[in-house]
Amino acid sequence: MVLKVIIPFYRFDLWRRVQTLENTELLRQLELFLTIAEDIQNKREEEFYSRRLKEVDEFLEESRREVERLSSLLEEYEKDRNIVLERLEKYGSILKHKDRGS
């Protein structure tokens, strides 16, 4: 036995429009979910790079302080070295005069 179902065209057209609307709504929801997922990913990346930038800034600040500390140590070393060189010159000239006088 063969059962034939006849759907009037206007009802089929209505059914097709409902399907199109459902697909459009599904597509809109999918786009919304994708947008939300992209926003979340962007926020995570922004937070990650923000933390990294903060770490780099802290490292640069520590490095700057270390350079300042080493620069002051170098200045002290140069002062001490100059004092030692002056004393050596004095002792050298004293020894020269002593050798000439002997």
PDB file of N, CA and C in Angstrom:
ATOM      1  N   MET A   1       0.840  -1.159   0.000  1.00  0.00           N
ATOM      2  CA  MET A   1       0.000   0.000   0.000  1.00  0.00           C
ATOM      3  C   MET A   1       0.898   1.239   0.000  1.00  0.00           C
ATOM      4  N   VAL A   2       0.635   2.141  -0.784  1.00  0.00           N
ATOM      5  CA  VAL A   2       1.408   3.355  -0.938  1.00  0.00           C
ATOM      6  C   VAL A   2       0.606   4.500  -0.343  1.00  0.00           C
ATOM      7  N   LEU A   3       1.265   5.199   0.546  1.00  0.00           N
ATOM      8  CA  LEU A   3       0.604   6.333   1.185  1.00  0.00           C
ATOM      9  C   LEU A   3       1.181   7.603   0.600  1.00  0.00           C
ATOM     10  N   LYS A   4       0.350   8.397   0.073  1.00  0.00           N
ATOM     11  CA  LYS A   4       0.802   9.648  -0.508  1.00  0.00           C
ATOM     12  C   LYS A   4       0.387  10.780   0.418  1.00  0.00           C
ATOM     13  N   VAL A   5       1.365  11.639   0.693  1.00  0.00           N
ATOM     14  CA  VAL A   5       1.075  12.805   1.507  1.00  0.00           C
ATOM     15  C   VAL A   5       1.225  14.017   0.606  1.00  0.00           C
ATOM     16  N   ILE A   6       0.208  14.758   0.565  1.00  0.00           N
ATOM     17  CA  ILE A   6       0.253  15.950  -0.263  1.00  0.00           C
ATOM     18  C   ILE A   6       0.329  17.156   0.676  1.00  0.00           C
ATOM     19  N   ILE A   7       1.411  17.911   0.505  1.00  0.00           N
ATOM     20  CA  ILE A   7       1.578  19.119   1.305  1.00  0.00           C
ATOM     21  C   ILE A   7       1.302  20.289   0.380  1.00  0.00           C
ATOM     22  N   PRO A   8       0.369  21.092   0.741  1.00  0.00           N
ATOM     23  CA  PRO A   8       0.114  22.258  -0.108  1.00  0.00           C
ATOM     24  C   PRO A   8       1.370  23.129  -0.181  1.00  0.00           C
ATOM     25  N   PHE A   9       1.579  23.748  -1.298  1.00  0.00           N
ATOM     26  CA  PHE A   9       2.798  24.518  -1.525  1.00  0.00           C
ATOM     27  C   PHE A   9       2.981  25.613  -0.483  1.00  0.00           C
ATOM     28  N   TYR A  10       1.938  26.319  -0.124  1.00  0.00           N
ATOM     29  CA  TYR A  10       2.085  27.415   0.834  1.00  0.00           C
ATOM     30  C   TYR A  10       2.563  26.894   2.183  1.00  0.00           C
ATOM     31  N   ARG A  11       2.146  25.662   2.561  1.00  0.00           N
ATOM     32  CA  ARG A  11       2.616  25.102   3.829  1.00  0.00           C
ATOM     33  C   ARG A  11       4.085  24.681   3.710  1.00  0.00           C
ATOM     34  N   PHE A  12       4.460  24.134   2.591  1.00  0.00           N
ATOM     35  CA  PHE A  12       5.852  23.759   2.379  1.00  0.00           C
ATOM     36  C   PHE A  12       6.725  25.006   2.426  1.00  0.00           C
ATOM     37  N   ASP A  13       6.261  26.063   1.771  1.00  0.00           N
ATOM     38  CA  ASP A  13       6.998  27.313   1.770  1.00  0.00           C
ATOM     39  C   ASP A  13       7.120  27.855   3.191  1.00  0.00           C
ATOM     40  N   LEU A  14       6.054  27.754   3.964  1.00  0.00           N
ATOM     41  CA  LEU A  14       6.080  28.185   5.356  1.00  0.00           C
ATOM     42  C   LEU A  14       7.077  27.340   6.150  1.00  0.00           C
ATOM     43  N   TRP A  15       7.042  26.022   5.939  1.00  0.00           N
ATOM     44  CA  TRP A  15       7.974  25.117   6.631  1.00  0.00           C
ATOM     45  C   TRP A  15       9.418  25.479   6.272  1.00  0.00           C
ATOM     46  N   ARG A  16       9.669  25.746   4.979  1.00  0.00           N
ATOM     47  CA  ARG A  16      11.009  26.117   4.524  1.00  0.00           C
ATOM     48  C   ARG A  16      11.451  27.433   5.159  1.00  0.00           C
ATOM     49  N   ARG A  17      10.548  28.370   5.280  1.00  0.00           N
ATOM     50  CA  ARG A  17      10.882  29.642   5.917  1.00  0.00           C
ATOM     51  C   ARG A  17      11.202  29.444   7.393  1.00  0.00           C
ATOM     52  N   VAL A  18      10.454  28.586   8.055  1.00  0.00           N
ATOM     53  CA  VAL A  18      10.740  28.300   9.469  1.00  0.00           C
ATOM     54  C   VAL A  18      12.118  27.667   9.589  1.00  0.00           C
ATOM     55  N   GLN A  19      12.436  26.727   8.706  1.00  0.00           N
ATOM     56  CA  GLN A  19      13.754  26.098   8.720  1.00  0.00           C
ATOM     57  C   GLN A  19      14.843  27.139   8.481  1.00  0.00           C
ATOM     58  N   THR A  20      14.609  28.034   7.552  1.00  0.00           N
ATOM     59  CA  THR A  20      15.580  29.081   7.267  1.00  0.00           C
ATOM     60  C   THR A  20      15.769  29.970   8.488  1.00  0.00           C
ATOM     61  N   LEU A  21      14.673  30.312   9.147  1.00  0.00           N
ATOM     62  CA  LEU A  21      14.770  31.123  10.357  1.00  0.00           C
ATOM     63  C   LEU A  21      15.524  30.384  11.452  1.00  0.00           C
ATOM     64  N   GLU A  22      15.226  29.087  11.606  1.00  0.00           N
ATOM     65  CA  GLU A  22      15.941  28.300  12.610  1.00  0.00           C
ATOM     66  C   GLU A  22      17.428  28.259  12.291  1.00  0.00           C
ATOM     67  N   ASN A  23      17.753  28.025  11.027  1.00  0.00           N
ATOM     68  CA  ASN A  23      19.159  27.990  10.632  1.00  0.00           C
ATOM     69  C   ASN A  23      19.809  29.352  10.836  1.00  0.00           C
ATOM     70  N   THR A  24      19.073  30.407  10.535  1.00  0.00           N
ATOM     71  CA  THR A  24      19.596  31.754  10.741  1.00  0.00           C
ATOM     72  C   THR A  24      19.836  31.997  12.221  1.00  0.00           C
ATOM     73  N   GLU A  25      18.892  31.570  13.052  1.00  0.00           N
ATOM     74  CA  GLU A  25      19.047  31.730  14.497  1.00  0.00           C
ATOM     75  C   GLU A  25      20.226  30.894  15.001  1.00  0.00           C
ATOM     76  N   LEU A  26      20.349  29.670  14.501  1.00  0.00           N
ATOM     77  CA  LEU A  26      21.489  28.834  14.891  1.00  0.00           C
ATOM     78  C   LEU A  26      22.799  29.479  14.458  1.00  0.00           C
ATOM     79  N   LEU A  27      22.807  30.008  13.250  1.00  0.00           N
ATOM     80  CA  LEU A  27      24.006  30.668  12.747  1.00  0.00           C
ATOM     81  C   LEU A  27      24.331  31.901  13.595  1.00  0.00           C
ATOM     82  N   ARG A  28      23.303  32.666  13.958  1.00  0.00           N
ATOM     83  CA  ARG A  28      23.514  33.840  14.793  1.00  0.00           C
ATOM     84  C   ARG A  28      24.072  33.434  16.154  1.00  0.00           C
ATOM     85  N   GLN A  29      23.504  32.364  16.733  1.00  0.00           N
ATOM     86  CA  GLN A  29      24.006  31.891  18.028  1.00  0.00           C
ATOM     87  C   GLN A  29      25.441  31.381  17.909  1.00  0.00           C
ATOM     88  N   LEU A  30      25.725  30.672  16.822  1.00  0.00           N
ATOM     89  CA  LEU A  30      27.084  30.184  16.602  1.00  0.00           C
ATOM     90  C   LEU A  30      28.051  31.358  16.467  1.00  0.00           C
ATOM     91  N   GLU A  31      27.662  32.370  15.701  1.00  0.00           N
ATOM     92  CA  GLU A  31      28.508  33.557  15.575  1.00  0.00           C
ATOM     93  C   GLU A  31      28.701  34.238  16.923  1.00  0.00           C
ATOM     94  N   LEU A  32      27.637  34.277  17.717  1.00  0.00           N
ATOM     95  CA  LEU A  32      27.721  34.871  19.047  1.00  0.00           C
ATOM     96  C   LEU A  32      28.699  34.083  19.921  1.00  0.00           C
ATOM     97  N   PHE A  33      28.580  32.752  19.901  1.00  0.00           N
ATOM     98  CA  PHE A  33      29.497  31.910  20.685  1.00  0.00           C
ATOM     99  C   PHE A  33      30.939  32.084  20.218  1.00  0.00           C
ATOM    100  N   LEU A  34      31.129  32.141  18.902  1.00  0.00           N
ATOM    101  CA  LEU A  34      32.478  32.330  18.370  1.00  0.00           C
ATOM    102  C   LEU A  34      33.034  33.698  18.769  1.00  0.00           C
ATOM    103  N   THR A  35      32.188  34.708  18.742  1.00  0.00           N
ATOM    104  CA  THR A  35      32.614  36.047  19.152  1.00  0.00           C
ATOM    105  C   THR A  35      32.997  36.055  20.624  1.00  0.00           C
ATOM    106  N   ILE A  36      32.176  35.407  21.442  1.00  0.00           N
ATOM    107  CA  ILE A  36      32.477  35.322  22.877  1.00  0.00           C
ATOM    108  C   ILE A  36      33.783  34.574  23.100  1.00  0.00           C
ATOM    109  N   ALA A  37      33.963  33.444  22.393  1.00  0.00           N
ATOM    110  CA  ALA A  37      35.203  32.667  22.534  1.00  0.00           C
ATOM    111  C   ALA A  37      36.408  33.500  22.098  1.00  0.00           C
ATOM    112  N   GLU A  38      36.257  34.249  21.016  1.00  0.00           N
ATOM    113  CA  GLU A  38      37.349  35.104  20.541  1.00  0.00           C
ATOM    114  C   GLU A  38      37.649  36.207  21.552  1.00  0.00           C
ATOM    115  N   ASP A  39      36.600  36.802  22.121  1.00  0.00           N
ATOM    116  CA  ASP A  39      36.790  37.837  23.147  1.00  0.00           C
ATOM    117  C   ASP A  39      37.514  37.279  24.364  1.00  0.00           C
ATOM    118  N   ILE A  40      37.130  36.072  24.778  1.00  0.00           N
ATOM    119  CA  ILE A  40      37.786  35.432  25.925  1.00  0.00           C
ATOM    120  C   ILE A  40      39.253  35.179  25.611  1.00  0.00           C
ATOM    121  N   GLN A  41      39.527  34.657  24.410  1.00  0.00           N
ATOM    122  CA  GLN A  41      40.910  34.395  24.007  1.00  0.00           C
ATOM    123  C   GLN A  41      41.711  35.689  23.964  1.00  0.00           C
ATOM    124  N   ASN A  42      41.116  36.743  23.406  1.00  0.00           N
ATOM    125  CA  ASN A  42      41.803  38.038  23.350  1.00  0.00           C
ATOM    126  C   ASN A  42      42.087  38.567  24.747  1.00  0.00           C
ATOM    127  N   LYS A  43      41.132  38.405  25.653  1.00  0.00           N
ATOM    128  CA  LYS A  43      41.310  38.865  27.034  1.00  0.00           C
ATOM    129  C   LYS A  43      42.451  38.088  27.699  1.00  0.00           C
ATOM    130  N   ARG A  44      42.486  36.771  27.479  1.00  0.00           N
ATOM    131  CA  ARG A  44      43.566  35.951  28.055  1.00  0.00           C
ATOM    132  C   ARG A  44      44.923  36.384  27.510  1.00  0.00           C
ATOM    133  N   GLU A  45      44.975  36.598  26.197  1.00  0.00           N
ATOM    134  CA  GLU A  45      46.233  37.042  25.590  1.00  0.00           C
ATOM    135  C   GLU A  45      46.639  38.408  26.128  1.00  0.00           C
ATOM    136  N   GLU A  46      45.659  39.293  26.261  1.00  0.00           N
ATOM    137  CA  GLU A  46      45.943  40.626  26.789  1.00  0.00           C
ATOM    138  C   GLU A  46      46.477  40.536  28.218  1.00  0.00           C
ATOM    139  N   GLU A  47      45.860  39.688  29.038  1.00  0.00           N
ATOM    140  CA  GLU A  47      46.332  39.511  30.414  1.00  0.00           C
ATOM    141  C   GLU A  47      47.730  38.904  30.429  1.00  0.00           C
ATOM    142  N   PHE A  48      47.961  37.899  29.554  1.00  0.00           N
ATOM    143  CA  PHE A  48      49.271  37.255  29.485  1.00  0.00           C
ATOM    144  C   PHE A  48      50.343  38.269  29.113  1.00  0.00           C
ATOM    145  N   TYR A  49      50.100  39.030  28.032  1.00  0.00           N
ATOM    146  CA  TYR A  49      51.101  39.997  27.589  1.00  0.00           C
ATOM    147  C   TYR A  49      51.247  41.144  28.582  1.00  0.00           C
ATOM    148  N   SER A  50      50.169  41.466  29.267  1.00  0.00           N
ATOM    149  CA  SER A  50      50.253  42.500  30.295  1.00  0.00           C
ATOM    150  C   SER A  50      51.160  42.038  31.436  1.00  0.00           C
ATOM    151  N   ARG A  51      50.994  40.772  31.850  1.00  0.00           N
ATOM    152  CA  ARG A  51      51.868  40.223  32.900  1.00  0.00           C
ATOM    153  C   ARG A  51      53.313  40.175  32.429  1.00  0.00           C
ATOM    154  N   ARG A  52      53.521  39.728  31.204  1.00  0.00           N
ATOM    155  CA  ARG A  52      54.885  39.651  30.668  1.00  0.00           C
ATOM    156  C   ARG A  52      55.517  41.040  30.603  1.00  0.00           C
ATOM    157  N   LEU A  53      54.735  42.027  30.161  1.00  0.00           N
ATOM    158  CA  LEU A  53      55.240  43.389  30.077  1.00  0.00           C
ATOM    159  C   LEU A  53      55.600  43.908  31.464  1.00  0.00           C
ATOM    160  N   LYS A  54      54.781  43.576  32.445  1.00  0.00           N
ATOM    161  CA  LYS A  54      55.072  43.991  33.818  1.00  0.00           C
ATOM    162  C   LYS A  54      56.363  43.331  34.303  1.00  0.00           C
ATOM    163  N   GLU A  55      56.531  42.026  33.998  1.00  0.00           N
ATOM    164  CA  GLU A  55      57.757  41.322  34.385  1.00  0.00           C
ATOM    165  C   GLU A  55      58.975  41.956  33.715  1.00  0.00           C
ATOM    166  N   VAL A  56      58.840  42.289  32.437  1.00  0.00           N
ATOM    167  CA  VAL A  56      59.953  42.911  31.708  1.00  0.00           C
ATOM    168  C   VAL A  56      60.276  44.275  32.309  1.00  0.00           C
ATOM    169  N   ASP A  57      59.233  45.053  32.636  1.00  0.00           N
ATOM    170  CA  ASP A  57      59.457  46.360  33.267  1.00  0.00           C
ATOM    171  C   ASP A  57      60.175  46.207  34.602  1.00  0.00           C
ATOM    172  N   GLU A  58      59.755  45.211  35.399  1.00  0.00           N
ATOM    173  CA  GLU A  58      60.416  44.971  36.689  1.00  0.00           C
ATOM    174  C   GLU A  58      61.875  44.571  36.481  1.00  0.00           C
ATOM    175  N   PHE A  59      62.120  43.704  35.491  1.00  0.00           N
ATOM    176  CA  PHE A  59      63.483  43.281  35.194  1.00  0.00           C
ATOM    177  C   PHE A  59      64.336  44.475  34.768  1.00  0.00           C
ATOM    178  N   LEU A  60      63.768  45.330  33.914  1.00  0.00           N
ATOM    179  CA  LEU A  60      64.510  46.509  33.467  1.00  0.00           C
ATOM    180  C   LEU A  60      64.815  47.443  34.632  1.00  0.00           C
ATOM    181  N   GLU A  61      63.861  47.599  35.533  1.00  0.00           N
ATOM    182  CA  GLU A  61      64.083  48.453  36.699  1.00  0.00           C
ATOM    183  C   GLU A  61      65.183  47.873  37.589  1.00  0.00           C
ATOM    184  N   GLU A  62      65.135  46.553  37.819  1.00  0.00           N
ATOM    185  CA  GLU A  62      66.195  45.903  38.607  1.00  0.00           C
ATOM    186  C   GLU A  62      67.546  46.052  37.912  1.00  0.00           C
ATOM    187  N   SER A  63      67.559  45.889  36.604  1.00  0.00           N
ATOM    188  CA  SER A  63      68.805  46.026  35.844  1.00  0.00           C
ATOM    189  C   SER A  63      69.339  47.448  35.938  1.00  0.00           C
ATOM    190  N   ARG A  64      68.450  48.431  35.850  1.00  0.00           N
ATOM    191  CA  ARG A  64      68.870  49.826  35.962  1.00  0.00           C
ATOM    192  C   ARG A  64      69.491  50.096  37.333  1.00  0.00           C
ATOM    193  N   ARG A  65      68.852  49.574  38.384  1.00  0.00           N
ATOM    194  CA  ARG A  65      69.408  49.757  39.733  1.00  0.00           C
ATOM    195  C   ARG A  65      70.764  49.066  39.858  1.00  0.00           C
ATOM    196  N   GLU A  66      70.893  47.886  39.270  1.00  0.00           N
ATOM    197  CA  GLU A  66      72.166  47.158  39.322  1.00  0.00           C
ATOM    198  C   GLU A  66      73.248  47.922  38.563  1.00  0.00           C
ATOM    199  N   VAL A  67      72.894  48.500  37.424  1.00  0.00           N
ATOM    200  CA  VAL A  67      73.860  49.300  36.656  1.00  0.00           C
ATOM    201  C   VAL A  67      74.301  50.506  37.478  1.00  0.00           C
ATOM    202  N   GLU A  68      73.345  51.155  38.148  1.00  0.00           N
ATOM    203  CA  GLU A  68      73.701  52.295  39.002  1.00  0.00           C
ATOM    204  C   GLU A  68      74.635  51.860  40.131  1.00  0.00           C
ATOM    205  N   ARG A  69      74.327  50.724  40.740  1.00  0.00           N
ATOM    206  CA  ARG A  69      75.165  50.214  41.832  1.00  0.00           C
ATOM    207  C   ARG A  69      76.572  49.906  41.323  1.00  0.00           C
ATOM    208  N   LEU A  70      76.644  49.221  40.187  1.00  0.00           N
ATOM    209  CA  LEU A  70      77.952  48.876  39.631  1.00  0.00           C
ATOM    210  C   LEU A  70      78.712  50.123  39.184  1.00  0.00           C
ATOM    211  N   SER A  71      78.003  51.111  38.675  1.00  0.00           N
ATOM    212  CA  SER A  71      78.660  52.360  38.272  1.00  0.00           C
ATOM    213  C   SER A  71      79.278  53.053  39.479  1.00  0.00           C
ATOM    214  N   SER A  72      78.539  53.086  40.593  1.00  0.00           N
ATOM    215  CA  SER A  72      79.100  53.726  41.792  1.00  0.00           C
ATOM    216  C   SER A  72      80.289  52.925  42.321  1.00  0.00           C
ATOM    217  N   LEU A  73      80.208  51.591  42.248  1.00  0.00           N
ATOM    218  CA  LEU A  73      81.353  50.767  42.663  1.00  0.00           C
ATOM    219  C   LEU A  73      82.560  51.027  41.770  1.00  0.00           C
ATOM    220  N   LEU A  74      82.314  51.180  40.473  1.00  0.00           N
ATOM    221  CA  LEU A  74      83.401  51.461  39.539  1.00  0.00           C
ATOM    222  C   LEU A  74      84.035  52.817  39.840  1.00  0.00           C
ATOM    223  N   GLU A  75      83.209  53.808  40.156  1.00  0.00           N
ATOM    224  CA  GLU A  75      83.748  55.122  40.523  1.00  0.00           C
ATOM    225  C   GLU A  75      84.621  55.018  41.772  1.00  0.00           C
ATOM    226  N   GLU A  76      84.145  54.281  42.773  1.00  0.00           N
ATOM    227  CA  GLU A  76      84.934  54.097  43.999  1.00  0.00           C
ATOM    228  C   GLU A  76      86.244  53.381  43.690  1.00  0.00           C
ATOM    229  N   TYR A  77      86.167  52.356  42.845  1.00  0.00           N
ATOM    230  CA  TYR A  77      87.367  51.613  42.467  1.00  0.00           C
ATOM    231  C   TYR A  77      88.364  52.536  41.771  1.00  0.00           C
ATOM    232  N   GLU A  78      87.864  53.369  40.847  1.00  0.00           N
ATOM    233  CA  GLU A  78      88.757  54.283  40.128  1.00  0.00           C
ATOM    234  C   GLU A  78      89.398  55.292  41.078  1.00  0.00           C
ATOM    235  N   LYS A  79      88.631  55.785  42.045  1.00  0.00           N
ATOM    236  CA  LYS A  79      89.199  56.706  43.040  1.00  0.00           C
ATOM    237  C   LYS A  79      90.293  56.007  43.836  1.00  0.00           C
ATOM    238  N   ASP A  80      89.980  54.798  44.320  1.00  0.00           N
ATOM    239  CA  ASP A  80      90.975  54.037  45.087  1.00  0.00           C
ATOM    240  C   ASP A  80      92.204  53.728  44.241  1.00  0.00           C
ATOM    241  N   ARG A  81      91.999  53.382  42.989  1.00  0.00           N
ATOM    242  CA  ARG A  81      93.111  53.069  42.087  1.00  0.00           C
ATOM    243  C   ARG A  81      93.981  54.303  41.885  1.00  0.00           C
ATOM    244  N   ASN A  82      93.344  55.445  41.702  1.00  0.00           N
ATOM    245  CA  ASN A  82      94.109  56.687  41.529  1.00  0.00           C
ATOM    246  C   ASN A  82      94.917  57.013  42.786  1.00  0.00           C
ATOM    247  N   ILE A  83      94.322  56.799  43.951  1.00  0.00           N
ATOM    248  CA  ILE A  83      95.050  57.022  45.212  1.00  0.00           C
ATOM    249  C   ILE A  83      96.256  56.099  45.296  1.00  0.00           C
ATOM    250  N   VAL A  84      96.049  54.826  44.963  1.00  0.00           N
ATOM    251  CA  VAL A  84      97.150  53.856  45.006  1.00  0.00           C
ATOM    252  C   VAL A  84      98.232  54.241  44.008  1.00  0.00           C
ATOM    253  N   LEU A  85      97.849  54.670  42.799  1.00  0.00           N
ATOM    254  CA  LEU A  85      98.839  55.077  41.796  1.00  0.00           C
ATOM    255  C   LEU A  85      99.633  56.297  42.260  1.00  0.00           C
ATOM    256  N   GLU A  86      98.946  57.254  42.880  1.00  0.00           N
ATOM    257  CA  GLU A  86      99.652  58.430  43.406  1.00  0.00           C
ATOM    258  C   GLU A  86     100.657  58.023  44.477  1.00  0.00           C
ATOM    259  N   ARG A  87     100.253  57.142  45.357  1.00  0.00           N
ATOM    260  CA  ARG A  87     101.156  56.686  46.421  1.00  0.00           C
ATOM    261  C   ARG A  87     102.348  55.938  45.840  1.00  0.00           C
ATOM    262  N   LEU A  88     102.079  55.104  44.829  1.00  0.00           N
ATOM    263  CA  LEU A  88     103.177  54.375  44.189  1.00  0.00           C
ATOM    264  C   LEU A  88     104.164  55.346  43.550  1.00  0.00           C
ATOM    265  N   GLU A  89     103.659  56.389  42.913  1.00  0.00           N
ATOM    266  CA  GLU A  89     104.547  57.389  42.314  1.00  0.00           C
ATOM    267  C   GLU A  89     105.390  58.073  43.390  1.00  0.00           C
ATOM    268  N   LYS A  90     104.743  58.419  44.517  1.00  0.00           N
ATOM    269  CA  LYS A  90     105.484  59.048  45.618  1.00  0.00           C
ATOM    270  C   LYS A  90     106.560  58.107  46.143  1.00  0.00           C
ATOM    271  N   TYR A  91     106.159  56.853  46.397  1.00  0.00           N
ATOM    272  CA  TYR A  91     107.136  55.881  46.900  1.00  0.00           C
ATOM    273  C   TYR A  91     108.238  55.643  45.884  1.00  0.00           C
ATOM    274  N   GLY A  92     107.865  55.630  44.605  1.00  0.00           N
ATOM    275  CA  GLY A  92     108.864  55.456  43.555  1.00  0.00           C
ATOM    276  C   GLY A  92     109.854  56.605  43.533  1.00  0.00           C
ATOM    277  N   SER A  93     109.341  57.827  43.659  1.00  0.00           N
ATOM    278  CA  SER A  93     110.257  58.980  43.653  1.00  0.00           C
ATOM    279  C   SER A  93     111.099  58.995  44.925  1.00  0.00           C
ATOM    280  N   ILE A  94     110.523  58.596  46.066  1.00  0.00           N
ATOM    281  CA  ILE A  94     111.299  58.511  47.318  1.00  0.00           C
ATOM    282  C   ILE A  94     112.422  57.503  47.163  1.00  0.00           C
ATOM    283  N   LEU A  95     112.105  56.341  46.575  1.00  0.00           N
ATOM    284  CA  LEU A  95     113.131  55.307  46.381  1.00  0.00           C
ATOM    285  C   LEU A  95     114.213  55.778  45.413  1.00  0.00           C
ATOM    286  N   LYS A  96     113.834  56.532  44.372  1.00  0.00           N
ATOM    287  CA  LYS A  96     114.828  57.048  43.428  1.00  0.00           C
ATOM    288  C   LYS A  96     115.770  58.016  44.136  1.00  0.00           C
ATOM    289  N   HIS A  97     115.212  58.905  44.931  1.00  0.00           N
ATOM    290  CA  HIS A  97     116.054  59.861  45.660  1.00  0.00           C
ATOM    291  C   HIS A  97     116.934  59.142  46.675  1.00  0.00           C
ATOM    292  N   LYS A  98     116.407  58.109  47.275  1.00  0.00           N
ATOM    293  CA  LYS A  98     117.165  57.353  48.269  1.00  0.00           C
ATOM    294  C   LYS A  98     118.336  56.640  47.592  1.00  0.00           C
ATOM    295  N   ASP A  99     118.053  56.041  46.399  1.00  0.00           N
ATOM    296  CA  ASP A  99     119.113  55.356  45.660  1.00  0.00           C
ATOM    297  C   ASP A  99     120.178  56.350  45.199  1.00  0.00           C
ATOM    298  N   ARG A 100     119.806  57.538  44.800  1.00  0.00           N
ATOM    299  CA  ARG A 100     120.763  58.543  44.347  1.00  0.00           C
ATOM    300  C   ARG A 100     121.588  59.054  45.518  1.00  0.00           C
ATOM    301  N   GLY A 101     120.937  59.135  46.662  1.00  0.00           N
ATOM    302  CA  GLY A 101     121.635  59.645  47.841  1.00  0.00           C
ATOM    303  C   GLY A 101     122.574  58.612  48.443  1.00  0.00           C
ATOM    304  N   SER A 102     122.374  57.344  48.138  1.00  0.00           N
ATOM    305  CA  SER A 102     123.231  56.328  48.746  1.00  0.00           C
ATOM    306  C   SER A 102     124.525  56.177  48.082  1.00  0.00           C
TER     307      SER A 102
END
